[in-house]
Structure formats: C-alpha cells, structure tokens
Amino acid sequence: NTCFRSHDIRNHTGGDSHALYFDVGGRWVYRATMSNNCLAAAVSSDPIVLRQVGGSGYVCKKIDLDVSVRGTRCIVDGLTRLTPEEAAALPKKVRP
C-alpha cells in the first residue's frame, strides 16, 4: 500500500527545480516530481505547502497532492515512494 495520510508528512527538501523529497511518518521517503520548474526560485527558508486534495486525508496518487511555493502552484507529474536503499543513497543535502 503506497497511500499515506497527509498529516504524517514531517519534513521536506528540494532536490532540484523539479523534485521535492519528503519524509512520511519517519518511515518512508517520497519523491514528488513537477512538470513545471516551480521549485527553481525556492530557497530553504521558503515555506512549501503540501496539501491533500479531495478531502479523504490520504494521498495515493499524484492527483491527490497539491504543492505550492511562494504562491506558485506546482504541477505534480509523479509521486514515488523510495525504497530504503534509494532513500539512503540520496545526497545528504536533499534527505528530508
């Protein structure tokens, strides 16, 4: 089961102008990829808003996740739960 509750998102980091990594419950790391470069101008102090869409409280597919930064809405193109090995292999600066 790859669904998670939106309130279990603990931390997030930007990987590049198209990728966002976030910790879910201290157990899983997810990568959300954006089809636009909404993250390009973001700095570490900018709040990035992650919200569940649809009212169920669960995120299961990319369409369930709404991401915005500095008032700019991101277009979520992909949502992937990383394996523990993939998460451990992330560079330290992008680990959530």
Protein backbone atom coordinates (compact mmCIF):
# COMPACT_ATOMS: atom_id res chain seq x y z
CA ASN A 1 0.00 0.00 0.00
CA THR A 2 1.57 3.26 -1.11
CA CYS A 3 -1.05 5.60 0.35
CA PHE A 4 -0.21 7.84 3.28
CA ARG A 5 -2.03 10.34 5.44
CA SER A 6 -1.17 13.93 4.61
CA HIS A 7 -0.76 14.84 8.29
CA ASP A 8 2.10 12.31 8.52
CA ILE A 9 4.36 14.47 6.32
CA ARG A 10 7.16 15.57 8.66
CA ASN A 11 9.84 17.29 6.62
CA HIS A 12 10.66 18.16 3.03
CA THR A 13 13.63 19.22 0.93
CA GLY A 14 14.04 20.36 -2.63
CA GLY A 15 16.15 18.15 -4.83
CA ASP A 16 16.23 20.49 -7.82
CA SER A 17 13.83 22.72 -9.76
CA HIS A 18 11.57 19.73 -10.49
CA ALA A 19 11.88 17.41 -7.48
CA LEU A 20 10.74 17.54 -3.88
CA TYR A 21 11.56 14.89 -1.27
CA PHE A 22 9.54 14.45 1.90
CA ASP A 23 9.51 12.25 4.97
CA VAL A 24 6.30 10.46 5.84
CA GLY A 25 5.98 9.34 9.42
CA GLY A 26 9.73 8.89 9.87
CA ARG A 27 9.43 5.68 7.92
CA TRP A 28 9.20 6.47 4.21
CA VAL A 29 10.71 8.99 1.83
CA TYR A 30 8.70 10.09 -1.18
CA ARG A 31 9.78 12.00 -4.29
CA ALA A 32 7.28 14.27 -5.99
CA THR A 33 8.35 15.42 -9.44
CA MET A 34 6.91 18.54 -11.01
CA SER A 35 6.28 19.11 -14.70
CA ASN A 36 6.98 22.82 -14.24
CA ASN A 37 10.02 24.36 -12.57
CA CYS A 38 8.07 25.89 -9.68
CA LEU A 39 10.84 24.96 -7.24
CA ALA A 40 13.61 26.73 -9.20
CA ALA A 41 13.46 30.01 -7.26
CA ALA A 42 12.77 28.43 -3.86
CA VAL A 43 15.30 28.81 -1.08
CA SER A 44 15.49 26.70 2.07
CA SER A 45 13.61 29.27 4.14
CA ASP A 46 10.62 29.41 1.77
CA PRO A 47 7.56 27.60 3.02
CA ILE A 48 6.49 24.85 0.67
CA VAL A 49 2.84 23.96 1.07
CA LEU A 50 1.87 20.29 0.67
CA ARG A 51 -1.86 19.57 0.86
CA GLN A 52 -4.05 16.60 0.23
CA VAL A 53 -6.74 17.22 -2.41
CA GLY A 54 -10.19 15.69 -2.21
CA GLY A 55 -10.93 15.58 1.50
CA SER A 56 -10.10 11.93 2.24
CA GLY A 57 -6.91 12.82 4.12
CA TYR A 58 -4.98 10.21 2.13
CA VAL A 59 -2.51 10.70 -0.69
CA CYS A 60 -2.42 7.68 -3.01
CA LYS A 61 -1.73 9.19 -6.44
CA LYS A 62 -0.10 12.32 -7.81
CA ILE A 63 -3.52 13.90 -8.36
CA ASP A 64 -4.11 13.72 -4.58
CA LEU A 65 -1.20 16.06 -3.80
CA ASP A 66 -1.22 19.84 -4.15
CA VAL A 67 2.18 21.56 -3.91
CA SER A 68 2.87 25.30 -3.96
CA VAL A 69 5.81 27.57 -3.16
CA ARG A 70 5.79 31.35 -2.89
CA GLY A 71 2.19 31.34 -4.04
CA THR A 72 3.06 29.47 -7.24
CA ARG A 73 1.23 26.22 -7.77
CA CYS A 74 3.31 23.27 -8.86
CA ILE A 75 2.07 20.67 -11.30
CA VAL A 76 2.76 17.26 -9.73
CA ASP A 77 3.85 14.95 -12.53
CA GLY A 78 4.94 11.94 -10.48
CA LEU A 79 4.82 10.56 -6.96
CA THR A 80 7.17 7.76 -5.92
CA ARG A 81 7.86 6.07 -2.61
CA LEU A 82 11.59 5.41 -2.47
CA THR A 83 12.99 2.12 -1.27
CA PRO A 84 15.08 2.33 1.90
CA GLU A 85 18.17 1.86 -0.28
CA GLU A 86 17.17 4.72 -2.62
CA ALA A 87 16.45 6.99 0.34
CA ALA A 88 19.82 6.17 1.95
CA ALA A 89 21.60 6.90 -1.34
CA LEU A 90 20.22 10.45 -1.57
CA PRO A 91 22.82 13.18 -1.08
CA LYS A 92 22.78 14.44 2.49
CA LYS A 93 21.54 17.92 1.49
CA VAL A 94 18.35 16.53 -0.11
CA ARG A 95 17.44 13.95 2.53
CA PRO A 96 14.30 15.10 4.30
